[in-house]
mmCIF file of all heavy atoms, coordinates in Angstrom:
data_MODEL
# 
_entry.id   MODEL 
# 
loop_
_atom_site.group_PDB 
_atom_site.id 
_atom_site.type_symbol 
_atom_site.label_atom_id 
_atom_site.label_alt_id 
_atom_site.label_comp_id 
_atom_site.label_asym_id 
_atom_site.label_entity_id 
_atom_site.label_seq_id 
_atom_site.pdbx_PDB_ins_code 
_atom_site.Cartn_x 
_atom_site.Cartn_y 
_atom_site.Cartn_z 
_atom_site.occupancy 
_atom_site.B_iso_or_equiv 
_atom_site.pdbx_formal_charge 
_atom_site.auth_seq_id 
_atom_site.auth_comp_id 
_atom_site.auth_asym_id 
_atom_site.auth_atom_id 
_atom_site.pdbx_PDB_model_num 
ATOM 1   N N   . LEU A 1 1  ? 150.234 118.587 267.812 1.00 0.00 ? 1  LEU A N   1 
ATOM 2   C CA  . LEU A 1 1  ? 149.497 119.876 267.495 1.00 0.00 ? 1  LEU A CA  1 
ATOM 3   C C   . LEU A 1 1  ? 148.030 119.447 267.144 1.00 0.00 ? 1  LEU A C   1 
ATOM 4   O O   . LEU A 1 1  ? 147.824 118.561 266.283 1.00 0.00 ? 1  LEU A O   1 
ATOM 5   C CB  . LEU A 1 1  ? 150.059 120.643 266.313 1.00 0.00 ? 1  LEU A CB  1 
ATOM 6   C CG  . LEU A 1 1  ? 151.317 121.404 266.747 1.00 0.00 ? 1  LEU A CG  1 
ATOM 7   C CD1 . LEU A 1 1  ? 152.024 121.850 265.418 1.00 0.00 ? 1  LEU A CD1 1 
ATOM 8   C CD2 . LEU A 1 1  ? 150.991 122.723 267.530 1.00 0.00 ? 1  LEU A CD2 1 
ATOM 9   N N   . ILE A 1 2  ? 147.029 120.104 267.743 1.00 0.00 ? 2  ILE A N   1 
ATOM 10  C CA  . ILE A 1 2  ? 145.671 119.722 267.455 1.00 0.00 ? 2  ILE A CA  1 
ATOM 11  C C   . ILE A 1 2  ? 144.921 121.124 267.283 1.00 0.00 ? 2  ILE A C   1 
ATOM 12  O O   . ILE A 1 2  ? 145.330 122.157 267.728 1.00 0.00 ? 2  ILE A O   1 
ATOM 13  C CB  . ILE A 1 2  ? 144.991 118.993 268.593 1.00 0.00 ? 2  ILE A CB  1 
ATOM 14  C CG1 . ILE A 1 2  ? 145.115 119.762 269.896 1.00 0.00 ? 2  ILE A CG1 1 
ATOM 15  C CG2 . ILE A 1 2  ? 145.561 117.592 268.619 1.00 0.00 ? 2  ILE A CG2 1 
ATOM 16  C CD1 . ILE A 1 2  ? 144.398 119.027 271.116 1.00 0.00 ? 2  ILE A CD1 1 
ATOM 17  N N   . ASP A 1 3  ? 143.787 121.031 266.455 1.00 0.00 ? 3  ASP A N   1 
ATOM 18  C CA  . ASP A 1 3  ? 142.925 122.277 266.265 1.00 0.00 ? 3  ASP A CA  1 
ATOM 19  C C   . ASP A 1 3  ? 141.933 122.357 267.408 1.00 0.00 ? 3  ASP A C   1 
ATOM 20  O O   . ASP A 1 3  ? 141.971 121.580 268.412 1.00 0.00 ? 3  ASP A O   1 
ATOM 21  C CB  . ASP A 1 3  ? 142.362 122.185 264.914 1.00 0.00 ? 3  ASP A CB  1 
ATOM 22  C CG  . ASP A 1 3  ? 141.372 120.988 264.694 1.00 0.00 ? 3  ASP A CG  1 
ATOM 23  O OD1 . ASP A 1 3  ? 140.925 120.430 265.740 1.00 0.00 ? 3  ASP A OD1 1 
ATOM 24  O OD2 . ASP A 1 3  ? 141.043 120.739 263.521 1.00 0.00 ? 3  ASP A OD2 1 
ATOM 25  N N   . GLY A 1 4  ? 141.064 123.298 267.251 1.00 0.00 ? 4  GLY A N   1 
ATOM 26  C CA  . GLY A 1 4  ? 139.985 123.536 268.288 1.00 0.00 ? 4  GLY A CA  1 
ATOM 27  C C   . GLY A 1 4  ? 139.102 122.380 268.462 1.00 0.00 ? 4  GLY A C   1 
ATOM 28  O O   . GLY A 1 4  ? 138.420 122.335 269.549 1.00 0.00 ? 4  GLY A O   1 
ATOM 29  N N   . ASN A 1 5  ? 139.079 121.476 267.505 1.00 0.00 ? 5  ASN A N   1 
ATOM 30  C CA  . ASN A 1 5  ? 138.140 120.351 267.623 1.00 0.00 ? 5  ASN A CA  1 
ATOM 31  C C   . ASN A 1 5  ? 138.861 119.141 268.119 1.00 0.00 ? 5  ASN A C   1 
ATOM 32  O O   . ASN A 1 5  ? 138.328 118.052 268.164 1.00 0.00 ? 5  ASN A O   1 
ATOM 33  C CB  . ASN A 1 5  ? 137.473 120.003 266.242 1.00 0.00 ? 5  ASN A CB  1 
ATOM 34  C CG  . ASN A 1 5  ? 136.656 121.080 265.710 1.00 0.00 ? 5  ASN A CG  1 
ATOM 35  O OD1 . ASN A 1 5  ? 135.852 121.654 266.471 1.00 0.00 ? 5  ASN A OD1 1 
ATOM 36  N ND2 . ASN A 1 5  ? 136.836 121.572 264.486 1.00 0.00 ? 5  ASN A ND2 1 
ATOM 37  N N   . GLY A 1 6  ? 140.121 119.276 268.582 1.00 0.00 ? 6  GLY A N   1 
ATOM 38  C CA  . GLY A 1 6  ? 140.967 118.196 268.996 1.00 0.00 ? 6  GLY A CA  1 
ATOM 39  C C   . GLY A 1 6  ? 141.509 117.365 267.969 1.00 0.00 ? 6  GLY A C   1 
ATOM 40  O O   . GLY A 1 6  ? 142.004 116.201 268.278 1.00 0.00 ? 6  GLY A O   1 
ATOM 41  N N   . LYS A 1 7  ? 141.465 117.757 266.730 1.00 0.00 ? 7  LYS A N   1 
ATOM 42  C CA  . LYS A 1 7  ? 142.115 116.864 265.684 1.00 0.00 ? 7  LYS A CA  1 
ATOM 43  C C   . LYS A 1 7  ? 143.512 117.358 265.174 1.00 0.00 ? 7  LYS A C   1 
ATOM 44  O O   . LYS A 1 7  ? 143.775 118.507 265.194 1.00 0.00 ? 7  LYS A O   1 
ATOM 45  C CB  . LYS A 1 7  ? 141.136 116.975 264.493 1.00 0.00 ? 7  LYS A CB  1 
ATOM 46  C CG  . LYS A 1 7  ? 139.800 116.410 264.671 1.00 0.00 ? 7  LYS A CG  1 
ATOM 47  C CD  . LYS A 1 7  ? 138.862 116.554 263.431 1.00 0.00 ? 7  LYS A CD  1 
ATOM 48  C CE  . LYS A 1 7  ? 137.544 115.967 263.660 1.00 0.00 ? 7  LYS A CE  1 
ATOM 49  N NZ  . LYS A 1 7  ? 136.711 116.092 262.453 1.00 0.00 ? 7  LYS A NZ  1 
ATOM 50  N N   . ARG A 1 8  ? 144.325 116.380 264.959 1.00 0.00 ? 8  ARG A N   1 
ATOM 51  C CA  . ARG A 1 8  ? 145.699 116.626 264.504 1.00 0.00 ? 8  ARG A CA  1 
ATOM 52  C C   . ARG A 1 8  ? 145.568 117.104 263.003 1.00 0.00 ? 8  ARG A C   1 
ATOM 53  O O   . ARG A 1 8  ? 144.656 116.729 262.298 1.00 0.00 ? 8  ARG A O   1 
ATOM 54  C CB  . ARG A 1 8  ? 146.560 115.401 264.452 1.00 0.00 ? 8  ARG A CB  1 
ATOM 55  C CG  . ARG A 1 8  ? 146.949 114.957 265.925 1.00 0.00 ? 8  ARG A CG  1 
ATOM 56  C CD  . ARG A 1 8  ? 147.780 113.707 265.902 1.00 0.00 ? 8  ARG A CD  1 
ATOM 57  N NE  . ARG A 1 8  ? 149.128 114.022 265.292 1.00 0.00 ? 8  ARG A NE  1 
ATOM 58  C CZ  . ARG A 1 8  ? 150.080 113.086 265.112 1.00 0.00 ? 8  ARG A CZ  1 
ATOM 59  N NH1 . ARG A 1 8  ? 149.831 111.806 265.309 1.00 0.00 ? 8  ARG A NH1 1 
ATOM 60  N NH2 . ARG A 1 8  ? 151.245 113.448 264.762 1.00 0.00 ? 8  ARG A NH2 1 
ATOM 61  N N   . PHE A 1 9  ? 146.405 118.129 262.609 1.00 0.00 ? 9  PHE A N   1 
ATOM 62  C CA  . PHE A 1 9  ? 146.315 118.595 261.255 1.00 0.00 ? 9  PHE A CA  1 
ATOM 63  C C   . PHE A 1 9  ? 147.551 118.694 260.517 1.00 0.00 ? 9  PHE A C   1 
ATOM 64  O O   . PHE A 1 9  ? 147.623 118.898 259.287 1.00 0.00 ? 9  PHE A O   1 
ATOM 65  C CB  . PHE A 1 9  ? 145.710 120.035 261.368 1.00 0.00 ? 9  PHE A CB  1 
ATOM 66  C CG  . PHE A 1 9  ? 146.516 120.988 262.237 1.00 0.00 ? 9  PHE A CG  1 
ATOM 67  C CD1 . PHE A 1 9  ? 147.631 121.696 261.776 1.00 0.00 ? 9  PHE A CD1 1 
ATOM 68  C CD2 . PHE A 1 9  ? 146.205 121.245 263.581 1.00 0.00 ? 9  PHE A CD2 1 
ATOM 69  C CE1 . PHE A 1 9  ? 148.338 122.585 262.557 1.00 0.00 ? 9  PHE A CE1 1 
ATOM 70  C CE2 . PHE A 1 9  ? 146.930 121.965 264.378 1.00 0.00 ? 9  PHE A CE2 1 
ATOM 71  C CZ  . PHE A 1 9  ? 147.945 122.726 263.866 1.00 0.00 ? 9  PHE A CZ  1 
ATOM 72  N N   . MET A 1 10 ? 148.691 118.465 261.127 1.00 0.00 ? 10 MET A N   1 
ATOM 73  C CA  . MET A 1 10 ? 150.026 118.631 260.454 1.00 0.00 ? 10 MET A CA  1 
ATOM 74  C C   . MET A 1 10 ? 150.209 117.618 259.305 1.00 0.00 ? 10 MET A C   1 
ATOM 75  O O   . MET A 1 10 ? 150.966 117.919 258.395 1.00 0.00 ? 10 MET A O   1 
ATOM 76  C CB  . MET A 1 10 ? 151.187 118.482 261.448 1.00 0.00 ? 10 MET A CB  1 
ATOM 77  C CG  . MET A 1 10 ? 151.459 119.778 262.156 1.00 0.00 ? 10 MET A CG  1 
ATOM 78  S SD  . MET A 1 10 ? 151.752 121.257 261.088 1.00 0.00 ? 10 MET A SD  1 
ATOM 79  C CE  . MET A 1 10 ? 153.067 120.664 260.054 1.00 0.00 ? 10 MET A CE  1 
ATOM 80  N N   . GLU A 1 11 ? 149.609 116.471 259.498 1.00 0.00 ? 11 GLU A N   1 
ATOM 81  C CA  . GLU A 1 11 ? 149.781 115.436 258.380 1.00 0.00 ? 11 GLU A CA  1 
ATOM 82  C C   . GLU A 1 11 ? 149.214 115.886 257.033 1.00 0.00 ? 11 GLU A C   1 
ATOM 83  O O   . GLU A 1 11 ? 149.601 115.404 256.017 1.00 0.00 ? 11 GLU A O   1 
ATOM 84  C CB  . GLU A 1 11 ? 149.020 114.146 258.791 1.00 0.00 ? 11 GLU A CB  1 
ATOM 85  C CG  . GLU A 1 11 ? 147.491 114.316 259.003 1.00 0.00 ? 11 GLU A CG  1 
ATOM 86  C CD  . GLU A 1 11 ? 146.874 113.049 259.670 1.00 0.00 ? 11 GLU A CD  1 
ATOM 87  O OE1 . GLU A 1 11 ? 147.675 112.148 260.045 1.00 0.00 ? 11 GLU A OE1 1 
ATOM 88  O OE2 . GLU A 1 11 ? 145.719 113.103 259.717 1.00 0.00 ? 11 GLU A OE2 1 
ATOM 89  N N   . GLN A 1 12 ? 148.332 116.924 257.064 1.00 0.00 ? 12 GLN A N   1 
ATOM 90  C CA  . GLN A 1 12 ? 147.852 117.478 255.777 1.00 0.00 ? 12 GLN A CA  1 
ATOM 91  C C   . GLN A 1 12 ? 148.870 118.379 255.083 1.00 0.00 ? 12 GLN A C   1 
ATOM 92  O O   . GLN A 1 12 ? 148.766 118.739 253.930 1.00 0.00 ? 12 GLN A O   1 
ATOM 93  C CB  . GLN A 1 12 ? 146.588 118.364 256.061 1.00 0.00 ? 12 GLN A CB  1 
ATOM 94  C CG  . GLN A 1 12 ? 145.503 117.608 256.774 1.00 0.00 ? 12 GLN A CG  1 
ATOM 95  C CD  . GLN A 1 12 ? 144.371 118.699 257.160 1.00 0.00 ? 12 GLN A CD  1 
ATOM 96  O OE1 . GLN A 1 12 ? 144.024 119.524 256.454 1.00 0.00 ? 12 GLN A OE1 1 
ATOM 97  N NE2 . GLN A 1 12 ? 143.817 118.468 258.405 1.00 0.00 ? 12 GLN A NE2 1 
ATOM 98  N N   . TYR A 1 13 ? 149.954 118.779 255.808 1.00 0.00 ? 13 TYR A N   1 
ATOM 99  C CA  . TYR A 1 13 ? 150.934 119.786 255.261 1.00 0.00 ? 13 TYR A CA  1 
ATOM 100 C C   . TYR A 1 13 ? 152.343 119.133 255.048 1.00 0.00 ? 13 TYR A C   1 
ATOM 101 O O   . TYR A 1 13 ? 152.948 119.706 254.109 1.00 0.00 ? 13 TYR A O   1 
ATOM 102 C CB  . TYR A 1 13 ? 150.996 120.919 256.273 1.00 0.00 ? 13 TYR A CB  1 
ATOM 103 C CG  . TYR A 1 13 ? 149.726 121.650 256.473 1.00 0.00 ? 13 TYR A CG  1 
ATOM 104 C CD1 . TYR A 1 13 ? 148.843 121.309 257.498 1.00 0.00 ? 13 TYR A CD1 1 
ATOM 105 C CD2 . TYR A 1 13 ? 149.391 122.651 255.504 1.00 0.00 ? 13 TYR A CD2 1 
ATOM 106 C CE1 . TYR A 1 13 ? 147.641 122.027 257.627 1.00 0.00 ? 13 TYR A CE1 1 
ATOM 107 C CE2 . TYR A 1 13 ? 148.184 123.387 255.719 1.00 0.00 ? 13 TYR A CE2 1 
ATOM 108 C CZ  . TYR A 1 13 ? 147.263 123.043 256.779 1.00 0.00 ? 13 TYR A CZ  1 
ATOM 109 O OH  . TYR A 1 13 ? 146.094 123.799 256.882 1.00 0.00 ? 13 TYR A OH  1 
ATOM 110 N N   . ASP A 1 14 ? 152.740 118.178 255.806 1.00 0.00 ? 14 ASP A N   1 
ATOM 111 C CA  . ASP A 1 14 ? 154.078 117.665 255.613 1.00 0.00 ? 14 ASP A CA  1 
ATOM 112 C C   . ASP A 1 14 ? 154.148 116.301 256.282 1.00 0.00 ? 14 ASP A C   1 
ATOM 113 O O   . ASP A 1 14 ? 153.617 116.056 257.325 1.00 0.00 ? 14 ASP A O   1 
ATOM 114 C CB  . ASP A 1 14 ? 155.065 118.587 256.286 1.00 0.00 ? 14 ASP A CB  1 
ATOM 115 C CG  . ASP A 1 14 ? 156.567 118.363 255.980 1.00 0.00 ? 14 ASP A CG  1 
ATOM 116 O OD1 . ASP A 1 14 ? 157.065 117.412 256.529 1.00 0.00 ? 14 ASP A OD1 1 
ATOM 117 O OD2 . ASP A 1 14 ? 157.078 119.044 255.147 1.00 0.00 ? 14 ASP A OD2 1 
ATOM 118 N N   . PRO A 1 15 ? 154.823 115.410 255.611 1.00 0.00 ? 15 PRO A N   1 
ATOM 119 C CA  . PRO A 1 15 ? 154.958 113.989 256.195 1.00 0.00 ? 15 PRO A CA  1 
ATOM 120 C C   . PRO A 1 15 ? 155.730 113.959 257.442 1.00 0.00 ? 15 PRO A C   1 
ATOM 121 O O   . PRO A 1 15 ? 155.516 112.958 258.236 1.00 0.00 ? 15 PRO A O   1 
ATOM 122 C CB  . PRO A 1 15 ? 155.636 113.194 255.021 1.00 0.00 ? 15 PRO A CB  1 
ATOM 123 C CG  . PRO A 1 15 ? 156.297 114.292 254.199 1.00 0.00 ? 15 PRO A CG  1 
ATOM 124 C CD  . PRO A 1 15 ? 155.507 115.443 254.241 1.00 0.00 ? 15 PRO A CD  1 
ATOM 125 N N   . ARG A 1 16 ? 156.524 114.969 257.793 1.00 0.00 ? 16 ARG A N   1 
ATOM 126 C CA  . ARG A 1 16 ? 157.204 115.000 258.988 1.00 0.00 ? 16 ARG A CA  1 
ATOM 127 C C   . ARG A 1 16 ? 156.332 115.466 260.190 1.00 0.00 ? 16 ARG A C   1 
ATOM 128 O O   . ARG A 1 16 ? 156.701 115.414 261.317 1.00 0.00 ? 16 ARG A O   1 
ATOM 129 C CB  . ARG A 1 16 ? 158.541 115.907 258.880 1.00 0.00 ? 16 ARG A CB  1 
ATOM 130 C CG  . ARG A 1 16 ? 159.466 115.325 258.004 1.00 0.00 ? 16 ARG A CG  1 
ATOM 131 C CD  . ARG A 1 16 ? 160.589 116.367 257.590 1.00 0.00 ? 16 ARG A CD  1 
ATOM 132 N NE  . ARG A 1 16 ? 160.015 117.362 256.717 1.00 0.00 ? 16 ARG A NE  1 
ATOM 133 C CZ  . ARG A 1 16 ? 160.718 118.339 256.087 1.00 0.00 ? 16 ARG A CZ  1 
ATOM 134 N NH1 . ARG A 1 16 ? 162.016 118.420 256.356 1.00 0.00 ? 16 ARG A NH1 1 
ATOM 135 N NH2 . ARG A 1 16 ? 160.117 119.153 255.253 1.00 0.00 ? 16 ARG A NH2 1 
ATOM 136 N N   . MET A 1 17 ? 155.127 115.906 259.829 1.00 0.00 ? 17 MET A N   1 
ATOM 137 C CA  . MET A 1 17 ? 154.154 116.266 260.753 1.00 0.00 ? 17 MET A CA  1 
ATOM 138 C C   . MET A 1 17 ? 154.682 117.354 261.786 1.00 0.00 ? 17 MET A C   1 
ATOM 139 O O   . MET A 1 17 ? 155.243 118.348 261.362 1.00 0.00 ? 17 MET A O   1 
ATOM 140 C CB  . MET A 1 17 ? 153.446 115.189 261.381 1.00 0.00 ? 17 MET A CB  1 
ATOM 141 C CG  . MET A 1 17 ? 152.738 114.325 260.419 1.00 0.00 ? 17 MET A CG  1 
ATOM 142 S SD  . MET A 1 17 ? 151.716 112.966 261.089 1.00 0.00 ? 17 MET A SD  1 
ATOM 143 C CE  . MET A 1 17 ? 153.020 111.722 261.405 1.00 0.00 ? 17 MET A CE  1 
ATOM 144 N N   . GLU A 1 18 ? 154.610 117.159 263.080 1.00 0.00 ? 18 GLU A N   1 
ATOM 145 C CA  . GLU A 1 18 ? 154.990 118.024 264.112 1.00 0.00 ? 18 GLU A CA  1 
ATOM 146 C C   . GLU A 1 18 ? 156.502 118.315 264.041 1.00 0.00 ? 18 GLU A C   1 
ATOM 147 O O   . GLU A 1 18 ? 156.959 119.367 264.611 1.00 0.00 ? 18 GLU A O   1 
ATOM 148 C CB  . GLU A 1 18 ? 154.553 117.590 265.499 1.00 0.00 ? 18 GLU A CB  1 
ATOM 149 C CG  . GLU A 1 18 ? 153.233 117.802 265.899 1.00 0.00 ? 18 GLU A CG  1 
ATOM 150 C CD  . GLU A 1 18 ? 152.199 116.741 265.360 1.00 0.00 ? 18 GLU A CD  1 
ATOM 151 O OE1 . GLU A 1 18 ? 152.709 115.786 264.681 1.00 0.00 ? 18 GLU A OE1 1 
ATOM 152 O OE2 . GLU A 1 18 ? 151.007 116.953 265.526 1.00 0.00 ? 18 GLU A OE2 1 
ATOM 153 N N   . LEU A 1 19 ? 157.271 117.452 263.437 1.00 0.00 ? 19 LEU A N   1 
ATOM 154 C CA  . LEU A 1 19 ? 158.721 117.632 263.396 1.00 0.00 ? 19 LEU A CA  1 
ATOM 155 C C   . LEU A 1 19 ? 159.182 118.272 262.024 1.00 0.00 ? 19 LEU A C   1 
ATOM 156 O O   . LEU A 1 19 ? 160.325 118.169 261.678 1.00 0.00 ? 19 LEU A O   1 
ATOM 157 C CB  . LEU A 1 19 ? 159.394 116.379 263.604 1.00 0.00 ? 19 LEU A CB  1 
ATOM 158 C CG  . LEU A 1 19 ? 159.276 115.818 265.069 1.00 0.00 ? 19 LEU A CG  1 
ATOM 159 C CD1 . LEU A 1 19 ? 160.036 114.419 265.225 1.00 0.00 ? 19 LEU A CD1 1 
ATOM 160 C CD2 . LEU A 1 19 ? 159.834 116.776 266.074 1.00 0.00 ? 19 LEU A CD2 1 
ATOM 161 N N   . ALA A 1 20 ? 158.248 118.861 261.263 1.00 0.00 ? 20 ALA A N   1 
ATOM 162 C CA  . ALA A 1 20 ? 158.634 119.613 260.097 1.00 0.00 ? 20 ALA A CA  1 
ATOM 163 C C   . ALA A 1 20 ? 159.345 120.827 260.546 1.00 0.00 ? 20 ALA A C   1 
ATOM 164 O O   . ALA A 1 20 ? 159.229 121.333 261.691 1.00 0.00 ? 20 ALA A O   1 
ATOM 165 C CB  . ALA A 1 20 ? 157.350 119.983 259.295 1.00 0.00 ? 20 ALA A CB  1 
ATOM 166 N N   . PRO A 1 21 ? 160.082 121.491 259.712 1.00 0.00 ? 21 PRO A N   1 
ATOM 167 C CA  . PRO A 1 21 ? 160.800 122.753 259.979 1.00 0.00 ? 21 PRO A CA  1 
ATOM 168 C C   . PRO A 1 21 ? 159.782 123.828 260.426 1.00 0.00 ? 21 PRO A C   1 
ATOM 169 O O   . PRO A 1 21 ? 158.616 123.813 260.065 1.00 0.00 ? 21 PRO A O   1 
ATOM 170 C CB  . PRO A 1 21 ? 161.621 123.058 258.724 1.00 0.00 ? 21 PRO A CB  1 
ATOM 171 C CG  . PRO A 1 21 ? 161.856 121.758 258.000 1.00 0.00 ? 21 PRO A CG  1 
ATOM 172 C CD  . PRO A 1 21 ? 160.534 120.949 258.338 1.00 0.00 ? 21 PRO A CD  1 
ATOM 173 N N   . ARG A 1 22 ? 160.345 124.874 261.066 1.00 0.00 ? 22 ARG A N   1 
ATOM 174 C CA  . ARG A 1 22 ? 159.396 125.864 261.603 1.00 0.00 ? 22 ARG A CA  1 
ATOM 175 C C   . ARG A 1 22 ? 158.594 126.706 260.616 1.00 0.00 ? 22 ARG A C   1 
ATOM 176 O O   . ARG A 1 22 ? 157.406 127.026 260.937 1.00 0.00 ? 22 ARG A O   1 
ATOM 177 C CB  . ARG A 1 22 ? 160.267 126.911 262.409 1.00 0.00 ? 22 ARG A CB  1 
ATOM 178 C CG  . ARG A 1 22 ? 160.861 126.176 263.733 1.00 0.00 ? 22 ARG A CG  1 
ATOM 179 C CD  . ARG A 1 22 ? 161.782 127.064 264.525 1.00 0.00 ? 22 ARG A CD  1 
ATOM 180 N NE  . ARG A 1 22 ? 162.212 126.443 265.690 1.00 0.00 ? 22 ARG A NE  1 
ATOM 181 C CZ  . ARG A 1 22 ? 163.062 127.009 266.551 1.00 0.00 ? 22 ARG A CZ  1 
ATOM 182 N NH1 . ARG A 1 22 ? 163.615 128.204 266.230 1.00 0.00 ? 22 ARG A NH1 1 
ATOM 183 N NH2 . ARG A 1 22 ? 163.490 126.352 267.554 1.00 0.00 ? 22 ARG A NH2 1 
ATOM 184 N N   . ASP A 1 23 ? 159.219 127.000 259.481 1.00 0.00 ? 23 ASP A N   1 
ATOM 185 C CA  . ASP A 1 23 ? 158.391 127.811 258.579 1.00 0.00 ? 23 ASP A CA  1 
ATOM 186 C C   . ASP A 1 23 ? 157.139 127.041 258.082 1.00 0.00 ? 23 ASP A C   1 
ATOM 187 O O   . ASP A 1 23 ? 156.072 127.579 257.960 1.00 0.00 ? 23 ASP A O   1 
ATOM 188 C CB  . ASP A 1 23 ? 159.198 128.250 257.388 1.00 0.00 ? 23 ASP A CB  1 
ATOM 189 C CG  . ASP A 1 23 ? 159.840 126.965 256.581 1.00 0.00 ? 23 ASP A CG  1 
ATOM 190 O OD1 . ASP A 1 23 ? 160.148 125.948 257.195 1.00 0.00 ? 23 ASP A OD1 1 
ATOM 191 O OD2 . ASP A 1 23 ? 160.099 127.155 255.393 1.00 0.00 ? 23 ASP A OD2 1 
ATOM 192 N N   . ILE A 1 24 ? 157.234 125.726 257.885 1.00 0.00 ? 24 ILE A N   1 
ATOM 193 C CA  . ILE A 1 24 ? 156.216 124.886 257.433 1.00 0.00 ? 24 ILE A CA  1 
ATOM 194 C C   . ILE A 1 24 ? 155.044 124.787 258.568 1.00 0.00 ? 24 ILE A C   1 
ATOM 195 O O   . ILE A 1 24 ? 153.945 124.871 258.295 1.00 0.00 ? 24 ILE A O   1 
ATOM 196 C CB  . ILE A 1 24 ? 156.610 123.472 256.941 1.00 0.00 ? 24 ILE A CB  1 
ATOM 197 C CG1 . ILE A 1 24 ? 157.491 123.639 255.813 1.00 0.00 ? 24 ILE A CG1 1 
ATOM 198 C CG2 . ILE A 1 24 ? 155.530 122.570 256.713 1.00 0.00 ? 24 ILE A CG2 1 
ATOM 199 C CD1 . ILE A 1 24 ? 158.182 122.416 255.262 1.00 0.00 ? 24 ILE A CD1 1 
# 
């Protein structure tokens, strides 16, 4: 997952990043 600037952002929210559960 990347934002409009091409940067990944999930690492800011959960250590599992893209593989965190859906609600997160």
